[in-house]
Structures are given as C-alpha cells and as structure tokens.
Amino acid sequence: FHYFCRVRFSERHLKTEFVSKMELELHQFITSHS
C-alpha cells in the first residue's frame, strides 16, 4: 500500500526546492499570503 501511495502522489510536474536562504521573491510571496 505504501509503495502504491508513493507512485500515486509522485506529482512530477511540480518542482520542489529546499530553501536555505529566503530571497526577496519568497518574502513577497509569504507577505502576500499572510
């Protein structure tokens, strides 16, 4: 079941990035959504 879920929720069209330093773009995004 877990293997099936890993396949089901592998949304390849979405890009995920680990953020080490929050640049101006993220500051603006967070500000506009809070």
Full PDB file with SEQRES, HELIX, SHEET, SSBOND, CRYST1, ORIGX, SCALE, CONECT and MASTER records, all heavy atoms in Angstrom:
SEQRES   1 A   34  PHE HIS TYR PHE CYS ARG VAL ARG PHE SER GLU ARG HIS          
SEQRES   2 A   34  LEU LYS THR GLU PHE VAL SER LYS MET GLU LEU GLU LEU          
SEQRES   3 A   34  HIS GLN PHE ILE THR SER HIS SER                              
HELIX    1 AA1 HIS A    2  ARG A    8  1                                   7    
HELIX    2 AA2 LEU A   24  SER A   32  1                                   9    
CRYST1    1.000    1.000    1.000  90.00  90.00  90.00 P 1           1          
ORIGX1      1.000000  0.000000  0.000000        0.00000                         
ORIGX2      0.000000  1.000000  0.000000        0.00000                         
ORIGX3      0.000000  0.000000  1.000000        0.00000                         
SCALE1      1.000000  0.000000  0.000000        0.00000                         
SCALE2      0.000000  1.000000  0.000000        0.00000                         
SCALE3      0.000000  0.000000  1.000000        0.00000                         
ATOM      1  N   PHE A   1       0.834  -1.208   0.000  1.00  0.00           N  
ATOM      2  CA  PHE A   1       0.000   0.000   0.000  1.00  0.00           C  
ATOM      3  C   PHE A   1       0.868   1.257   0.000  1.00  0.00           C  
ATOM      4  O   PHE A   1       0.589   2.223  -0.724  1.00  0.00           O  
ATOM      5  CB  PHE A   1      -0.914  -0.016   1.229  1.00  0.00           C  
ATOM      6  CG  PHE A   1      -1.687   1.261   1.429  1.00  0.00           C  
ATOM      7  CD1 PHE A   1      -2.719   1.616   0.572  1.00  0.00           C  
ATOM      8  CD2 PHE A   1      -1.379   2.117   2.488  1.00  0.00           C  
ATOM      9  CE1 PHE A   1      -3.436   2.795   0.752  1.00  0.00           C  
ATOM     10  CE2 PHE A   1      -2.090   3.295   2.678  1.00  0.00           C  
ATOM     11  CZ  PHE A   1      -3.112   3.633   1.804  1.00  0.00           C  
ATOM     12  N   HIS A   2       1.949   1.246   0.773  1.00  0.00           N  
ATOM     13  CA  HIS A   2       2.835   2.411   0.816  1.00  0.00           C  
ATOM     14  C   HIS A   2       3.539   2.608  -0.528  1.00  0.00           C  
ATOM     15  O   HIS A   2       3.731   3.756  -0.969  1.00  0.00           O  
ATOM     16  CB  HIS A   2       3.867   2.253   1.936  1.00  0.00           C  
ATOM     17  CG  HIS A   2       3.302   2.493   3.302  1.00  0.00           C  
ATOM     18  ND1 HIS A   2       2.751   3.696   3.686  1.00  0.00           N  
ATOM     19  CD2 HIS A   2       3.197   1.682   4.383  1.00  0.00           C  
ATOM     20  CE1 HIS A   2       2.342   3.617   4.935  1.00  0.00           C  
ATOM     21  NE2 HIS A   2       2.591   2.401   5.379  1.00  0.00           N  
ATOM     22  N   TYR A   3       3.919   1.524  -1.152  1.00  0.00           N  
ATOM     23  CA  TYR A   3       4.553   1.640  -2.474  1.00  0.00           C  
ATOM     24  C   TYR A   3       3.564   2.240  -3.469  1.00  0.00           C  
ATOM     25  O   TYR A   3       3.912   3.127  -4.267  1.00  0.00           O  
ATOM     26  CB  TYR A   3       5.031   0.275  -2.965  1.00  0.00           C  
ATOM     27  CG  TYR A   3       5.624   0.328  -4.358  1.00  0.00           C  
ATOM     28  CD1 TYR A   3       6.908   0.810  -4.571  1.00  0.00           C  
ATOM     29  CD2 TYR A   3       4.880  -0.095  -5.467  1.00  0.00           C  
ATOM     30  CE1 TYR A   3       7.452   0.874  -5.844  1.00  0.00           C  
ATOM     31  CE2 TYR A   3       5.405  -0.027  -6.749  1.00  0.00           C  
ATOM     32  CZ  TYR A   3       6.689   0.463  -6.927  1.00  0.00           C  
ATOM     33  OH  TYR A   3       7.210   0.532  -8.198  1.00  0.00           O  
ATOM     34  N   PHE A   4       2.315   1.792  -3.421  1.00  0.00           N  
ATOM     35  CA  PHE A   4       1.273   2.325  -4.295  1.00  0.00           C  
ATOM     36  C   PHE A   4       1.091   3.823  -4.046  1.00  0.00           C  
ATOM     37  O   PHE A   4       0.938   4.613  -4.989  1.00  0.00           O  
ATOM     38  CB  PHE A   4      -0.034   1.575  -4.043  1.00  0.00           C  
ATOM     39  CG  PHE A   4      -1.235   2.212  -4.688  1.00  0.00           C  
ATOM     40  CD1 PHE A   4      -1.457   2.118  -6.055  1.00  0.00           C  
ATOM     41  CD2 PHE A   4      -2.156   2.911  -3.914  1.00  0.00           C  
ATOM     42  CE1 PHE A   4      -2.561   2.720  -6.641  1.00  0.00           C  
ATOM     43  CE2 PHE A   4      -3.262   3.514  -4.491  1.00  0.00           C  
ATOM     44  CZ  PHE A   4      -3.466   3.417  -5.860  1.00  0.00           C  
ATOM     45  N   CYS A   5       1.110   4.227  -2.788  1.00  0.00           N  
ATOM     46  CA  CYS A   5       0.933   5.648  -2.456  1.00  0.00           C  
ATOM     47  C   CYS A   5       2.098   6.485  -2.954  1.00  0.00           C  
ATOM     48  O   CYS A   5       1.909   7.627  -3.415  1.00  0.00           O  
ATOM     49  CB  CYS A   5       0.778   5.821  -0.948  1.00  0.00           C  
ATOM     50  SG  CYS A   5      -0.805   5.208  -0.302  1.00  0.00           S  
ATOM     51  N   ARG A   6       3.301   5.951  -2.885  1.00  0.00           N  
ATOM     52  CA  ARG A   6       4.457   6.695  -3.390  1.00  0.00           C  
ATOM     53  C   ARG A   6       4.297   6.992  -4.878  1.00  0.00           C  
ATOM     54  O   ARG A   6       4.653   8.076  -5.356  1.00  0.00           O  
ATOM     55  CB  ARG A   6       5.743   5.899  -3.152  1.00  0.00           C  
ATOM     56  CG  ARG A   6       6.248   5.945  -1.719  1.00  0.00           C  
ATOM     57  CD  ARG A   6       7.455   5.029  -1.552  1.00  0.00           C  
ATOM     58  NE  ARG A   6       7.940   5.065  -0.184  1.00  0.00           N  
ATOM     59  CZ  ARG A   6       9.017   5.735   0.220  1.00  0.00           C  
ATOM     60  NH1 ARG A   6       9.710   6.445  -0.649  1.00  0.00           N  
ATOM     61  NH2 ARG A   6       9.406   5.700   1.478  1.00  0.00           N  
ATOM     62  N   VAL A   7       3.762   6.026  -5.599  1.00  0.00           N  
ATOM     63  CA  VAL A   7       3.536   6.227  -7.038  1.00  0.00           C  
ATOM     64  C   VAL A   7       2.378   7.201  -7.253  1.00  0.00           C  
ATOM     65  O   VAL A   7       2.470   8.121  -8.076  1.00  0.00           O  
ATOM     66  CB  VAL A   7       3.246   4.879  -7.730  1.00  0.00           C  
ATOM     67  CG1 VAL A   7       2.876   5.096  -9.199  1.00  0.00           C  
ATOM     68  CG2 VAL A   7       4.447   3.950  -7.611  1.00  0.00           C  
ATOM     69  N   ARG A   8       1.294   7.039  -6.505  1.00  0.00           N  
ATOM     70  CA  ARG A   8       0.101   7.877  -6.680  1.00  0.00           C  
ATOM     71  C   ARG A   8       0.408   9.348  -6.432  1.00  0.00           C  
ATOM     72  O   ARG A   8      -0.083  10.223  -7.157  1.00  0.00           O  
ATOM     73  CB  ARG A   8      -1.002   7.407  -5.724  1.00  0.00           C  
ATOM     74  CG  ARG A   8      -2.146   8.405  -5.604  1.00  0.00           C  
ATOM     75  CD  ARG A   8      -3.176   7.969  -4.571  1.00  0.00           C  
ATOM     76  NE  ARG A   8      -4.165   7.061  -5.155  1.00  0.00           N  
ATOM     77  CZ  ARG A   8      -5.242   6.630  -4.498  1.00  0.00           C  
ATOM     78  NH1 ARG A   8      -5.440   7.000  -3.235  1.00  0.00           N  
ATOM     79  NH2 ARG A   8      -6.095   5.818  -5.087  1.00  0.00           N  
ATOM     80  N   PHE A   9       1.230   9.642  -5.431  1.00  0.00           N  
ATOM     81  CA  PHE A   9       1.455  11.032  -5.052  1.00  0.00           C  
ATOM     82  C   PHE A   9       2.776  11.597  -5.580  1.00  0.00           C  
ATOM     83  O   PHE A   9       3.261  12.604  -5.083  1.00  0.00           O  
ATOM     84  CB  PHE A   9       1.391  11.176  -3.530  1.00  0.00           C  
ATOM     85  CG  PHE A   9       0.037  10.845  -2.965  1.00  0.00           C  
ATOM     86  CD1 PHE A   9      -0.160   9.699  -2.219  1.00  0.00           C  
ATOM     87  CD2 PHE A   9      -1.052  11.668  -3.223  1.00  0.00           C  
ATOM     88  CE1 PHE A   9      -1.409   9.383  -1.706  1.00  0.00           C  
ATOM     89  CE2 PHE A   9      -2.310  11.363  -2.720  1.00  0.00           C  
ATOM     90  CZ  PHE A   9      -2.486  10.208  -1.965  1.00  0.00           C  
ATOM     91  N   SER A  10       3.327  10.950  -6.583  1.00  0.00           N  
ATOM     92  CA  SER A  10       4.549  11.476  -7.209  1.00  0.00           C  
ATOM     93  C   SER A  10       4.171  12.437  -8.332  1.00  0.00           C  
ATOM     94  O   SER A  10       4.121  12.060  -9.495  1.00  0.00           O  
ATOM     95  CB  SER A  10       5.411  10.331  -7.759  1.00  0.00           C  
ATOM     96  OG  SER A  10       4.679   9.575  -8.712  1.00  0.00           O  
ATOM     97  N   GLU A  11       3.877  13.675  -7.955  1.00  0.00           N  
ATOM     98  CA  GLU A  11       3.487  14.715  -8.910  1.00  0.00           C  
ATOM     99  C   GLU A  11       4.735  15.275  -9.587  1.00  0.00           C  
ATOM    100  O   GLU A  11       5.391  16.185  -9.093  1.00  0.00           O  
ATOM    101  CB  GLU A  11       2.712  15.825  -8.175  1.00  0.00           C  
ATOM    102  CG  GLU A  11       1.330  15.413  -7.730  1.00  0.00           C  
ATOM    103  CD  GLU A  11       0.356  15.292  -8.894  1.00  0.00           C  
ATOM    104  OE1 GLU A  11       0.664  15.825  -9.972  1.00  0.00           O  
ATOM    105  OE2 GLU A  11      -0.691  14.660  -8.706  1.00  0.00           O  
ATOM    106  N   ARG A  12       5.048  14.752 -10.774  1.00  0.00           N  
ATOM    107  CA  ARG A  12       6.309  15.107 -11.439  1.00  0.00           C  
ATOM    108  C   ARG A  12       6.277  16.492 -12.079  1.00  0.00           C  
ATOM    109  O   ARG A  12       7.317  17.052 -12.394  1.00  0.00           O  
ATOM    110  CB  ARG A  12       6.660  14.053 -12.488  1.00  0.00           C  
ATOM    111  CG  ARG A  12       6.964  12.691 -11.867  1.00  0.00           C  
ATOM    112  CD  ARG A  12       7.291  11.656 -12.924  1.00  0.00           C  
ATOM    113  NE  ARG A  12       7.640  10.380 -12.324  1.00  0.00           N  
ATOM    114  CZ  ARG A  12       6.771   9.461 -11.952  1.00  0.00           C  
ATOM    115  NH1 ARG A  12       5.478   9.689 -12.111  1.00  0.00           N  
ATOM    116  NH2 ARG A  12       7.169   8.334 -11.410  1.00  0.00           N  
ATOM    117  N   HIS A  13       5.083  17.049 -12.303  1.00  0.00           N  
ATOM    118  CA  HIS A  13       5.034  18.368 -12.931  1.00  0.00           C  
ATOM    119  C   HIS A  13       5.279  19.494 -11.928  1.00  0.00           C  
ATOM    120  O   HIS A  13       5.436  20.658 -12.307  1.00  0.00           O  
ATOM    121  CB  HIS A  13       3.675  18.585 -13.614  1.00  0.00           C  
ATOM    122  CG  HIS A  13       2.531  18.769 -12.673  1.00  0.00           C  
ATOM    123  ND1 HIS A  13       1.969  17.731 -11.960  1.00  0.00           N  
ATOM    124  CD2 HIS A  13       1.864  19.896 -12.285  1.00  0.00           C  
ATOM    125  CE1 HIS A  13       0.992  18.199 -11.212  1.00  0.00           C  
ATOM    126  NE2 HIS A  13       0.906  19.506 -11.378  1.00  0.00           N  
ATOM    127  N   LEU A  14       5.312  19.140 -10.634  1.00  0.00           N  
ATOM    128  CA  LEU A  14       5.616  20.126  -9.606  1.00  0.00           C  
ATOM    129  C   LEU A  14       7.097  20.049  -9.229  1.00  0.00           C  
ATOM    130  O   LEU A  14       7.652  18.967  -9.077  1.00  0.00           O  
ATOM    131  CB  LEU A  14       4.771  19.880  -8.350  1.00  0.00           C  
ATOM    132  CG  LEU A  14       3.258  20.092  -8.488  1.00  0.00           C  
ATOM    133  CD1 LEU A  14       2.554  19.672  -7.209  1.00  0.00           C  
ATOM    134  CD2 LEU A  14       2.932  21.541  -8.819  1.00  0.00           C  
ATOM    135  N   LYS A  15       7.709  21.195  -9.080  1.00  0.00           N  
ATOM    136  CA  LYS A  15       9.120  21.264  -8.709  1.00  0.00           C  
ATOM    137  C   LYS A  15       9.230  21.685  -7.251  1.00  0.00           C  
ATOM    138  O   LYS A  15       8.597  22.649  -6.828  1.00  0.00           O  
ATOM    139  CB  LYS A  15       9.845  22.273  -9.604  1.00  0.00           C  
ATOM    140  CG  LYS A  15      11.322  22.441  -9.281  1.00  0.00           C  
ATOM    141  CD  LYS A  15      11.948  23.509 -10.169  1.00  0.00           C  
ATOM    142  CE  LYS A  15      13.415  23.717  -9.817  1.00  0.00           C  
ATOM    143  NZ  LYS A  15      14.027  24.796 -10.642  1.00  0.00           N  
ATOM    144  N   THR A  16      10.006  20.954  -6.478  1.00  0.00           N  
ATOM    145  CA  THR A  16      10.219  21.305  -5.073  1.00  0.00           C  
ATOM    146  C   THR A  16      11.694  21.631  -4.853  1.00  0.00           C  
ATOM    147  O   THR A  16      12.576  20.905  -5.328  1.00  0.00           O  
ATOM    148  CB  THR A  16       9.804  20.151  -4.136  1.00  0.00           C  
ATOM    149  OG1 THR A  16      10.562  18.981  -4.449  1.00  0.00           O  
ATOM    150  CG2 THR A  16       8.330  19.848  -4.290  1.00  0.00           C  
ATOM    151  N   GLU A  17      11.937  22.712  -4.144  1.00  0.00           N  
ATOM    152  CA  GLU A  17      13.300  23.146  -3.856  1.00  0.00           C  
ATOM    153  C   GLU A  17      13.458  23.384  -2.363  1.00  0.00           C  
ATOM    154  O   GLU A  17      12.621  24.046  -1.745  1.00  0.00           O  
ATOM    155  CB  GLU A  17      13.620  24.449  -4.593  1.00  0.00           C  
ATOM    156  CG  GLU A  17      13.483  24.389  -6.100  1.00  0.00           C  
ATOM    157  CD  GLU A  17      13.637  25.767  -6.717  1.00  0.00           C  
ATOM    158  OE1 GLU A  17      14.771  26.302  -6.724  1.00  0.00           O  
ATOM    159  OE2 GLU A  17      12.623  26.324  -7.185  1.00  0.00           O  
ATOM    160  N   PHE A  18      14.534  22.849  -1.795  1.00  0.00           N  
ATOM    161  CA  PHE A  18      14.860  23.136  -0.405  1.00  0.00           C  
ATOM    162  C   PHE A  18      15.422  24.553  -0.332  1.00  0.00           C  
ATOM    163  O   PHE A  18      16.324  24.901  -1.094  1.00  0.00           O  
ATOM    164  CB  PHE A  18      15.875  22.136   0.143  1.00  0.00           C  
ATOM    165  CG  PHE A  18      15.304  20.770   0.383  1.00  0.00           C  
ATOM    166  CD1 PHE A  18      15.277  19.828  -0.642  1.00  0.00           C  
ATOM    167  CD2 PHE A  18      14.787  20.428   1.622  1.00  0.00           C  
ATOM    168  CE1 PHE A  18      14.742  18.569  -0.430  1.00  0.00           C  
ATOM    169  CE2 PHE A  18      14.249  19.171   1.842  1.00  0.00           C  
ATOM    170  CZ  PHE A  18      14.228  18.236   0.814  1.00  0.00           C  
ATOM    171  N   VAL A  19      14.882  25.345   0.563  1.00  0.00           N  
ATOM    172  CA  VAL A  19      15.265  26.750   0.666  1.00  0.00           C  
ATOM    173  C   VAL A  19      16.257  26.918   1.814  1.00  0.00           C  
ATOM    174  O   VAL A  19      15.917  26.684   2.979  1.00  0.00           O  
ATOM    175  CB  VAL A  19      14.032  27.649   0.900  1.00  0.00           C  
ATOM    176  CG1 VAL A  19      14.463  29.103   1.052  1.00  0.00           C  
ATOM    177  CG2 VAL A  19      13.046  27.489  -0.251  1.00  0.00           C  
ATOM    178  N   SER A  20      17.476  27.312   1.494  1.00  0.00           N  
ATOM    179  CA  SER A  20      18.487  27.566   2.525  1.00  0.00           C  
ATOM    180  C   SER A  20      18.528  29.032   2.913  1.00  0.00           C  
ATOM    181  O   SER A  20      18.791  29.375   4.060  1.00  0.00           O  
ATOM    182  CB  SER A  20      19.875  27.113   2.038  1.00  0.00           C  
ATOM    183  OG  SER A  20      20.210  27.767   0.824  1.00  0.00           O  
ATOM    184  N   LYS A  21      18.259  29.901   1.946  1.00  0.00           N  
ATOM    185  CA  LYS A  21      18.195  31.336   2.216  1.00  0.00           C  
ATOM    186  C   LYS A  21      16.983  31.906   1.495  1.00  0.00           C  
ATOM    187  O   LYS A  21      16.794  31.661   0.309  1.00  0.00           O  
ATOM    188  CB  LYS A  21      19.470  32.040   1.746  1.00  0.00           C  
ATOM    189  CG  LYS A  21      19.497  33.521   2.108  1.00  0.00           C  
ATOM    190  CD  LYS A  21      20.841  34.127   1.829  1.00  0.00           C  
ATOM    191  CE  LYS A  21      20.868  35.626   2.154  1.00  0.00           C  
ATOM    192  NZ  LYS A  21      20.532  35.904   3.553  1.00  0.00           N  
ATOM    193  N   MET A  22      16.168  32.656   2.208  1.00  0.00           N  
ATOM    194  CA  MET A  22      14.917  33.154   1.658  1.00  0.00           C  
ATOM    195  C   MET A  22      15.122  34.497   0.967  1.00  0.00           C  
ATOM    196  O   MET A  22      15.383  35.509   1.621  1.00  0.00           O  
ATOM    197  CB  MET A  22      13.863  33.256   2.764  1.00  0.00           C  
ATOM    198  CG  MET A  22      13.591  31.911   3.411  1.00  0.00           C  
ATOM    199  SD  MET A  22      12.246  31.941   4.591  1.00  0.00           S  
ATOM    200  CE  MET A  22      12.513  30.356   5.400  1.00  0.00           C  
ATOM    201  N   GLU A  23      15.039  34.476  -0.354  1.00  0.00           N  
ATOM    202  CA  GLU A  23      15.271  35.673  -1.148  1.00  0.00           C  
ATOM    203  C   GLU A  23      14.021  36.552  -1.183  1.00  0.00           C  
ATOM    204  O   GLU A  23      12.978  36.222  -0.630  1.00  0.00           O  
ATOM    205  CB  GLU A  23      15.698  35.268  -2.573  1.00  0.00           C  
ATOM    206  CG  GLU A  23      16.906  34.346  -2.624  1.00  0.00           C  
ATOM    207  CD  GLU A  23      18.188  35.019  -2.154  1.00  0.00           C  
ATOM    208  OE1 GLU A  23      18.187  36.265  -2.012  1.00  0.00           O  
ATOM    209  OE2 GLU A  23      19.191  34.315  -1.928  1.00  0.00           O  
ATOM    210  N   LEU A  24      14.158  37.686  -1.896  1.00  0.00           N  
ATOM    211  CA  LEU A  24      13.087  38.677  -1.978  1.00  0.00           C  
ATOM    212  C   LEU A  24      11.798  38.072  -2.514  1.00  0.00           C  
ATOM    213  O   LEU A  24      10.705  38.393  -2.034  1.00  0.00           O  
ATOM    214  CB  LEU A  24      13.528  39.849  -2.862  1.00  0.00           C  
ATOM    215  CG  LEU A  24      12.483  40.963  -3.071  1.00  0.00           C  
ATOM    216  CD1 LEU A  24      12.106  41.606  -1.743  1.00  0.00           C  
ATOM    217  CD2 LEU A  24      13.032  42.004  -4.048  1.00  0.00           C  
ATOM    218  N   GLU A  25      11.895  37.172  -3.506  1.00  0.00           N  
ATOM    219  CA  GLU A  25      10.688  36.583  -4.095  1.00  0.00           C  
ATOM    220  C   GLU A  25       9.863  35.851  -3.048  1.00  0.00           C  
ATOM    221  O   GLU A  25       8.634  35.983  -2.992  1.00  0.00           O  
ATOM    222  CB  GLU A  25      11.069  35.607  -5.213  1.00  0.00           C  
ATOM    223  CG  GLU A  25       9.868  34.924  -5.850  1.00  0.00           C  
ATOM    224  CD  GLU A  25      10.210  33.600  -6.512  1.00  0.00           C  
ATOM    225  OE1 GLU A  25      11.404  33.282  -6.636  1.00  0.00           O  
ATOM    226  OE2 GLU A  25       9.265  32.877  -6.877  1.00  0.00           O  
ATOM    227  N   LEU A  26      10.541  35.066  -2.182  1.00  0.00           N  
ATOM    228  CA  LEU A  26       9.817  34.331  -1.146  1.00  0.00           C  
ATOM    229  C   LEU A  26       9.261  35.282  -0.096  1.00  0.00           C  
ATOM    230  O   LEU A  26       8.163  35.055   0.426  1.00  0.00           O  
ATOM    231  CB  LEU A  26      10.732  33.298  -0.485  1.00  0.00           C  
ATOM    232  CG  LEU A  26      11.093  32.070  -1.308  1.00  0.00           C  
ATOM    233  CD1 LEU A  26      11.790  31.042  -0.438  1.00  0.00           C  
ATOM    234  CD2 LEU A  26       9.876  31.456  -1.957  1.00  0.00           C  
ATOM    235  N   HIS A  27       9.999  36.323   0.207  1.00  0.00           N  
ATOM    236  CA  HIS A  27       9.492  37.329   1.149  1.00  0.00           C  
ATOM    237  C   HIS A  27       8.186  37.922   0.639  1.00  0.00           C  
ATOM    238  O   HIS A  27       7.204  38.032   1.383  1.00  0.00           O  
ATOM    239  CB  HIS A  27      10.531  38.431   1.338  1.00  0.00           C  
ATOM    240  CG  HIS A  27      10.010  39.617   2.099  1.00  0.00           C  
ATOM    241  ND1 HIS A  27       9.800  39.596   3.465  1.00  0.00           N  
ATOM    242  CD2 HIS A  27       9.628  40.853   1.670  1.00  0.00           C  
ATOM    243  CE1 HIS A  27       9.314  40.767   3.847  1.00  0.00           C  
ATOM    244  NE2 HIS A  27       9.201  41.550   2.785  1.00  0.00           N  
ATOM    245  N   GLN A  28       8.144  38.275  -0.632  1.00  0.00           N  
ATOM    246  CA  GLN A  28       6.940  38.855  -1.223  1.00  0.00           C  
ATOM    247  C   GLN A  28       5.810  37.838  -1.266  1.00  0.00           C  
ATOM    248  O   GLN A  28       4.644  38.184  -1.005  1.00  0.00           O  
ATOM    249  CB  GLN A  28       7.257  39.383  -2.629  1.00  0.00           C  
ATOM    250  CG  GLN A  28       8.216  40.557  -2.629  1.00  0.00           C  
ATOM    251  CD  GLN A  28       8.658  40.966  -4.025  1.00  0.00           C  
ATOM    252  OE1 GLN A  28       8.629  40.166  -4.967  1.00  0.00           O  
ATOM    253  NE2 GLN A  28       9.079  42.219  -4.162  1.00  0.00           N  
ATOM    254  N   PHE A  29       6.133  36.583  -1.598  1.00  0.00           N  
ATOM    255  CA  PHE A  29       5.107  35.542  -1.671  1.00  0.00           C  
ATOM    256  C   PHE A  29       4.481  35.311  -0.298  1.00  0.00           C  
ATOM    257  O   PHE A  29       3.252  35.252  -0.156  1.00  0.00           O  
ATOM    258  CB  PHE A  29       5.714  34.240  -2.203  1.00  0.00           C  
ATOM    259  CG  PHE A  29       4.699  33.155  -2.447  1.00  0.00           C  
ATOM    260  CD1 PHE A  29       4.042  33.050  -3.658  1.00  0.00           C  
ATOM    261  CD2 PHE A  29       4.398  32.230  -1.450  1.00  0.00           C  
ATOM    262  CE1 PHE A  29       3.096  32.051  -3.884  1.00  0.00           C  
ATOM    263  CE2 PHE A  29       3.461  31.232  -1.653  1.00  0.00           C  
ATOM    264  CZ  PHE A  29       2.815  31.143  -2.882  1.00  0.00           C  
ATOM    265  N   ILE A  30       5.313  35.173   0.733  1.00  0.00           N  
ATOM    266  CA  ILE A  30       4.810  34.930   2.089  1.00  0.00           C  
ATOM    267  C   ILE A  30       4.003  36.119   2.586  1.00  0.00           C  
ATOM    268  O   ILE A  30       2.929  35.960   3.179  1.00  0.00           O  
ATOM    269  CB  ILE A  30       5.986  34.617   3.040  1.00  0.00           C  
ATOM    270  CG1 ILE A  30       6.556  33.231   2.698  1.00  0.00           C  
ATOM    271  CG2 ILE A  30       5.540  34.670   4.503  1.00  0.00           C  
ATOM    272  CD1 ILE A  30       7.839  32.902   3.430  1.00  0.00           C  
ATOM    273  N   THR A  31       4.488  37.336   2.324  1.00  0.00           N  
ATOM    274  CA  THR A  31       3.777  38.536   2.751  1.00  0.00           C  
ATOM    275  C   THR A  31       2.394  38.629   2.112  1.00  0.00           C  
ATOM    276  O   THR A  31       1.403  38.972   2.774  1.00  0.00           O  
ATOM    277  CB  THR A  31       4.589  39.800   2.406  1.00  0.00           C  
ATOM    278  OG1 THR A  31       5.846  39.738   3.084  1.00  0.00           O  
ATOM    279  CG2 THR A  31       3.833  41.060   2.825  1.00  0.00           C  
ATOM    280  N   SER A  32       2.308  38.285   0.831  1.00  0.00           N  
ATOM    281  CA  SER A  32       1.028  38.392   0.122  1.00  0.00           C  
ATOM    282  C   SER A  32       0.046  37.294   0.500  1.00  0.00           C  
ATOM    283  O   SER A  32      -1.144  37.406   0.206  1.00  0.00           O  
ATOM    284  CB  SER A  32       1.270  38.363  -1.396  1.00  0.00           C  
ATOM    285  OG  SER A  32       1.795  37.109  -1.799  1.00  0.00           O  
ATOM    286  N   HIS A  33       0.525  36.231   1.152  1.00  0.00           N  
ATOM    287  CA  HIS A  33      -0.350  35.119   1.520  1.00  0.00           C  
ATOM    288  C   HIS A  33      -0.511  34.984   3.042  1.00  0.00           C  
ATOM    289  O   HIS A  33      -0.836  33.904   3.543  1.00  0.00           O  
ATOM    290  CB  HIS A  33       0.183  33.807   0.944  1.00  0.00           C  
ATOM    291  CG  HIS A  33       0.082  33.715  -0.542  1.00  0.00           C  
ATOM    292  ND1 HIS A  33       1.008  34.292  -1.388  1.00  0.00           N  
ATOM    293  CD2 HIS A  33      -0.855  33.135  -1.342  1.00  0.00           C  
ATOM    294  CE1 HIS A  33       0.664  34.057  -2.647  1.00  0.00           C  
ATOM    295  NE2 HIS A  33      -0.457  33.361  -2.646  1.00  0.00           N  
ATOM    296  N   SER A  34      -0.311  36.084   3.766  1.00  0.00           N  
ATOM    297  CA  SER A  34      -0.443  36.028   5.230  1.00  0.00           C  
ATOM    298  C   SER A  34      -1.207  37.231   5.780  1.00  0.00           C  
ATOM    299  O   SER A  34      -1.085  37.559   6.958  1.00  0.00           O  
ATOM    300  CB  SER A  34       0.949  35.970   5.874  1.00  0.00           C  
ATOM    301  OG  SER A  34       1.726  37.102   5.518  1.00  0.00           O  
TER     302      SER A  34                                                      
MASTER        0    0    0    2    0    0    0    6  301    1    0    3          
END                                                                             
